[in-house]
């Protein structure tokens, strides 16, 4: 029996851990599939993706720099993809239409609540950065009813744009926006680095006293790129510091569940990926 085919597309893509993650999911759940990494061509992204699905691809994950282009490509969006303005998971319907979803926010929230045991309800949260990554987190975070959520960005106008776009979801939360130079004082229970910049050497310059005594520092990237932010957080007395590998595995599990109708257990997969990829 020919296995169902899935893939991840990005540029660059050689570093992707997604094929290994989905292979472990398939082994664990007894699913018959193959999953590969494909290099996206910026000038031919849309035509390539549609051709792949015509050739029999069942589902596609999308990573940088194509998530916004994937949003424009698909025929229909999930609610959360519409909010995020970006698509990272695509599948083909029985009628041939392509549906796009965004599993990043759900993956982040699941990692935060299940693995780290952090309930955002009633807490103070600071997000550094106002790009696509932050946009994908805001709906699930605001849905968890924090007391306060601050978006701080190098360009304050971009942070205020997100504040306006998501104001209807804030409900009882104080949703604020600022520049990085004048962010509201802490302490925060959770500080999320959603920027592409590390600390120092022209990157972020953060003030002290941002983190509370039991605070969590979470960098959305993983591996060496997260090191400076997490070292800074540790020096500030953060109770927990973590990179984004857990989010990567959880968002992949969300996509796998959409495609295959079964949700894999993520803890053993995360442990195996950290071990084999050498990511401490």
Protein backbone atom coordinates (compact mmCIF):
# COMPACT_ATOMS: atom_id res chain seq x y z
CA UNK A 1 0.00 0.00 0.00
CA UNK A 2 1.41 3.37 -1.02
CA UNK A 3 1.92 5.67 1.98
CA UNK A 4 0.23 9.08 2.12
CA UNK A 5 2.63 11.91 1.40
CA UNK A 6 3.19 15.05 3.46
CA UNK A 7 5.88 17.70 3.44
CA UNK A 8 7.20 20.94 4.90
CA UNK A 9 8.24 23.81 2.66
CA UNK A 10 10.58 26.66 3.52
CA UNK A 11 13.69 28.48 2.35
CA UNK A 12 16.13 27.52 3.77
CA UNK A 13 14.81 24.10 4.78
CA UNK A 14 17.79 21.78 5.30
CA UNK A 15 17.82 22.44 9.05
CA UNK A 16 14.15 21.49 9.53
CA UNK A 17 13.33 19.04 12.32
CA UNK A 18 9.79 18.50 11.00
CA UNK A 19 10.51 15.30 9.01
CA UNK A 20 11.98 13.66 12.11
CA UNK A 21 9.12 14.88 14.31
CA UNK A 22 6.42 13.56 11.97
CA UNK A 23 8.27 10.27 11.47
CA UNK A 24 8.19 9.77 15.24
CA UNK A 25 4.49 10.71 15.34
CA UNK A 26 3.72 8.20 12.59
CA UNK A 27 5.69 5.43 14.31
CA UNK A 28 3.97 6.11 17.62
CA UNK A 29 0.43 6.16 16.19
CA UNK A 30 0.81 3.46 13.54
CA UNK A 31 0.13 5.81 10.64
CA UNK A 32 1.35 4.86 7.15
CA UNK A 33 2.89 8.01 5.69
CA UNK A 34 6.03 9.68 4.44
CA UNK A 35 7.01 13.25 5.27
CA UNK A 36 9.79 15.20 3.57
CA UNK A 37 11.33 18.65 3.45
CA UNK A 38 11.00 20.66 0.24
CA UNK A 39 12.88 23.81 -0.71
CA UNK A 40 10.46 26.56 -1.70
CA UNK A 41 11.13 28.80 -4.67
CA UNK A 42 10.05 32.35 -3.76
CA UNK A 43 9.16 33.27 -7.32
CA UNK A 44 7.18 30.05 -7.91
CA UNK A 45 5.76 29.23 -4.47
CA UNK A 46 2.05 29.21 -5.36
CA UNK A 47 2.39 27.23 -8.58
CA UNK A 48 4.73 24.70 -6.94
CA UNK A 49 2.38 24.08 -4.01
CA UNK A 50 -0.66 23.61 -6.21
CA UNK A 51 1.31 21.23 -8.43
CA UNK A 52 2.41 19.19 -5.41
CA UNK A 53 -1.20 18.73 -4.35
CA UNK A 54 -2.23 17.80 -7.90
CA UNK A 55 0.49 15.14 -7.77
CA UNK A 56 -1.06 13.60 -4.66
CA UNK A 57 0.34 15.45 -1.64
CA UNK A 58 -2.12 15.16 1.25
CA UNK A 59 -0.84 17.91 3.55
CA UNK A 60 1.83 20.59 3.77
CA UNK A 61 3.46 22.48 6.60
CA UNK A 62 4.77 25.95 5.78
CA UNK A 63 7.65 27.71 7.47
CA UNK A 64 9.59 30.92 6.86
CA UNK A 65 9.39 32.88 4.68
CA UNK A 66 6.17 31.57 3.13
CA UNK A 67 3.46 31.71 5.81
CA UNK A 68 1.87 34.93 4.57
CA UNK A 69 2.11 33.81 0.95
CA UNK A 70 0.45 30.53 1.94
CA UNK A 71 -2.36 32.57 3.50
CA UNK A 72 -2.96 34.22 0.11
CA UNK A 73 -2.65 30.93 -1.76
CA UNK A 74 -5.24 28.73 -0.07
CA UNK A 75 -8.90 28.69 -1.07
CA UNK A 76 -10.29 28.89 2.47
CA UNK A 77 -9.00 29.63 5.97
CA UNK A 78 -9.70 28.44 9.49
CA UNK A 79 -10.77 31.10 11.97
CA UNK A 80 -7.41 31.17 13.68
CA UNK A 81 -5.54 31.44 10.37
CA UNK A 82 -7.75 34.40 9.50
CA UNK A 83 -6.82 36.07 12.78
CA UNK A 84 -3.12 35.35 12.38
CA UNK A 85 -3.01 36.43 8.75
CA UNK A 86 -0.66 33.51 8.13
CA UNK A 87 -0.92 29.80 7.30
CA UNK A 88 1.44 27.06 8.44
CA UNK A 89 -0.73 23.99 7.74
CA UNK A 90 -2.49 23.15 4.47
CA UNK A 91 -4.58 20.18 3.40
CA UNK A 92 -6.72 19.29 0.40
CA UNK A 93 -10.45 18.76 0.78
CA UNK A 94 -12.50 16.14 -1.06
CA UNK A 95 -13.66 18.81 -3.51
CA UNK A 96 -10.06 19.75 -4.32
CA UNK A 97 -10.02 23.03 -2.41
CA UNK A 98 -7.00 23.86 -0.25
CA UNK A 99 -7.70 24.78 3.37
CA UNK A 100 -5.19 26.70 5.45
CA UNK A 101 -4.84 26.74 9.23
CA UNK A 102 -2.38 28.20 11.71
CA UNK A 103 -1.37 25.83 14.51
CA UNK A 104 1.41 27.99 15.99
CA UNK A 105 -0.68 29.68 18.67
CA UNK A 106 -2.36 26.46 19.76
CA UNK A 107 1.02 24.73 19.89
CA UNK A 108 2.50 27.51 21.98
CA UNK A 109 -0.39 27.53 24.45
CA UNK A 110 -0.35 23.76 24.82
CA UNK A 111 3.40 23.75 25.50
CA UNK A 112 2.99 26.57 27.98
CA UNK A 113 0.11 25.00 29.90
CA UNK A 114 0.82 21.27 29.61
CA UNK A 115 4.61 21.01 29.73
CA UNK A 116 5.41 24.10 31.80
CA UNK A 117 2.24 24.09 33.89
CA UNK A 118 1.63 27.82 33.41
CA UNK A 119 -1.93 29.11 33.41
CA UNK A 120 -2.09 32.56 31.74
CA UNK A 121 -5.38 33.35 33.48
CA UNK A 122 -5.05 36.45 35.65
CA UNK A 123 -1.33 36.82 34.85
CA UNK A 124 0.80 39.66 33.44
CA UNK A 125 2.37 38.86 30.07
CA UNK A 126 4.93 40.77 27.98
CA UNK A 127 5.52 39.94 24.32
CA UNK A 128 8.63 41.36 22.69
CA UNK A 129 7.99 41.92 18.98
CA UNK A 130 4.93 42.66 16.88
CA UNK A 131 5.48 40.55 13.78
CA UNK A 132 3.73 37.49 12.43
CA UNK A 133 4.83 35.28 15.32
CA UNK A 134 3.14 37.58 17.84
CA UNK A 135 0.00 37.82 15.71
CA UNK A 136 -0.27 34.04 15.84
CA UNK A 137 -0.07 33.99 19.66
CA UNK A 138 -2.50 36.74 20.55
CA UNK A 139 -5.82 34.95 20.01
CA UNK A 140 -5.03 31.91 22.22
CA UNK A 141 -3.30 34.02 24.87
CA UNK A 142 -6.14 36.52 25.13
CA UNK A 143 -8.60 33.63 25.16
CA UNK A 144 -6.86 32.38 28.31
CA UNK A 145 -7.91 35.60 30.10
CA UNK A 146 -4.69 37.20 31.34
CA UNK A 147 -4.99 40.25 33.58
CA UNK A 148 -2.58 42.23 31.41
CA UNK A 149 -0.86 41.69 28.07
CA UNK A 150 1.74 44.16 26.76
CA UNK A 151 3.09 44.12 23.20
CA UNK A 152 6.45 45.94 22.99
CA UNK A 153 8.08 46.52 19.62
CA UNK A 154 11.00 48.49 18.22
CA UNK A 155 8.43 50.36 16.10
CA UNK A 156 5.62 51.29 18.54
CA UNK A 157 3.12 51.95 15.73
CA UNK A 158 3.25 48.29 14.71
CA UNK A 159 2.53 47.21 18.29
CA UNK A 160 -0.40 49.62 18.46
CA UNK A 161 -1.71 48.16 15.21
CA UNK A 162 -1.89 44.73 16.83
CA UNK A 163 -3.49 46.26 19.91
CA UNK A 164 -6.27 47.63 17.71
CA UNK A 165 -6.65 44.45 15.65
CA UNK A 166 -7.11 42.25 18.73
CA UNK A 167 -8.92 44.67 21.04
CA UNK A 168 -12.19 42.77 20.58
CA UNK A 169 -10.62 39.65 22.15
CA UNK A 170 -9.18 41.41 25.19
CA UNK A 171 -12.38 41.28 27.22
CA UNK A 172 -11.24 41.93 30.80
CA UNK A 173 -7.54 41.99 30.01
CA UNK A 174 -5.53 45.22 29.78
CA UNK A 175 -4.11 45.03 26.27
CA UNK A 176 -1.29 47.57 25.92
CA UNK A 177 1.27 48.51 23.29
CA UNK A 178 4.59 50.32 23.52
CA UNK A 179 8.07 50.71 22.12
CA UNK A 180 10.99 48.69 23.45
CA UNK A 181 12.46 51.84 24.96
CA UNK A 182 9.41 52.76 27.04
CA UNK A 183 7.69 49.47 27.83
CA UNK A 184 5.54 49.50 30.96
CA UNK A 185 7.35 48.41 34.09
CA UNK A 186 7.14 44.84 35.35
CA UNK A 187 7.18 42.52 36.98
CA UNK A 188 5.66 40.13 34.42
CA UNK A 189 4.79 36.51 35.02
CA UNK A 190 5.68 35.57 31.44
CA UNK A 191 8.07 37.30 29.01
CA UNK A 192 8.02 36.00 25.43
CA UNK A 193 10.73 36.84 22.92
CA UNK A 194 8.96 36.87 19.55
CA UNK A 195 11.59 38.96 17.80
CA UNK A 196 14.25 37.75 15.41
CA UNK A 197 16.88 39.51 17.53
CA UNK A 198 18.97 38.11 20.34
CA UNK A 199 20.33 40.19 23.19
CA UNK A 200 23.37 42.39 22.91
CA UNK A 201 25.53 43.03 19.83
CA UNK A 202 22.91 45.27 18.30
CA UNK A 203 19.99 43.11 19.44
CA UNK A 204 17.55 43.66 22.28
CA UNK A 205 18.52 45.79 25.27
CA UNK A 206 16.15 44.92 28.09
CA UNK A 207 15.79 46.63 31.44
CA UNK A 208 16.06 44.74 34.74
CA UNK A 209 13.06 43.84 36.91
CA UNK A 210 10.91 42.65 34.01
CA UNK A 211 10.40 39.18 35.45
CA UNK A 212 8.59 38.30 38.64
CA UNK A 213 10.10 35.95 41.20
CA UNK A 214 8.31 32.95 39.67
CA UNK A 215 8.44 34.28 36.12
CA UNK A 216 8.86 32.32 32.90
CA UNK A 217 11.01 33.44 29.97
CA UNK A 218 10.08 31.84 26.64
CA UNK A 219 11.97 32.36 23.38
CA UNK A 220 10.04 31.24 20.30
CA UNK A 221 13.21 30.17 18.51
CA UNK A 222 15.20 27.15 19.65
CA UNK A 223 18.81 26.09 19.92
CA UNK A 224 21.75 28.52 19.94
CA UNK A 225 19.64 31.43 18.65
CA UNK A 226 17.74 31.48 21.96
CA UNK A 227 20.83 31.35 24.18
CA UNK A 228 21.39 35.05 24.91
CA UNK A 229 17.78 35.79 25.79
CA UNK A 230 17.56 32.78 28.06
CA UNK A 231 20.89 33.60 29.72
CA UNK A 232 19.63 37.13 30.37
CA UNK A 233 16.43 35.74 31.87
CA UNK A 234 18.36 33.36 34.09
CA UNK A 235 20.49 36.23 35.36
CA UNK A 236 17.29 38.14 36.15
CA UNK A 237 16.14 35.31 38.40
CA UNK A 238 13.57 33.67 36.10
CA UNK A 239 12.12 30.54 37.65
CA UNK A 240 11.85 28.86 34.24
CA UNK A 241 13.59 29.53 30.91
CA UNK A 242 12.76 27.68 27.73
CA UNK A 243 13.29 27.84 24.00
CA UNK A 244 10.65 27.18 21.35
CA UNK A 245 11.34 23.52 20.61
CA UNK A 246 8.32 22.47 22.66
CA UNK A 247 6.14 24.82 20.63
CA UNK A 248 7.56 23.36 17.40
CA UNK A 249 6.62 19.84 18.46
CA UNK A 250 3.18 20.86 19.74
CA UNK A 251 2.22 22.81 16.61
CA UNK A 252 3.34 19.80 14.56
CA UNK A 253 1.13 17.54 16.68
CA UNK A 254 -1.80 19.86 16.05
CA UNK A 255 -1.22 19.62 12.29
CA UNK A 256 -0.80 15.83 12.51
CA UNK A 257 -4.12 15.54 14.36
CA UNK A 258 -5.88 17.61 11.69
CA UNK A 259 -4.46 15.47 8.90
CA UNK A 260 -4.70 12.01 10.48
CA UNK A 261 -7.46 12.30 13.08
CA UNK A 262 -5.24 11.11 15.94
CA UNK A 263 -3.15 13.20 18.33
CA UNK A 264 0.30 11.83 19.17
CA UNK A 265 1.89 12.09 22.59
CA UNK A 266 4.39 14.92 22.42
CA UNK A 267 6.55 14.46 25.53
CA UNK A 268 8.53 11.43 24.26
CA UNK A 269 8.95 13.03 20.84
CA UNK A 270 10.25 16.27 22.35
CA UNK A 271 12.73 14.30 24.48
CA UNK A 272 13.91 12.31 21.47
CA UNK A 273 14.35 15.43 19.32
CA UNK A 274 16.34 17.22 22.03
CA UNK A 275 18.56 14.18 22.38
CA UNK A 276 19.18 13.44 18.70
CA UNK A 277 19.44 17.08 17.60
CA UNK A 278 21.79 17.94 20.45
CA UNK A 279 19.61 20.84 21.61
CA UNK A 280 20.04 21.26 25.36
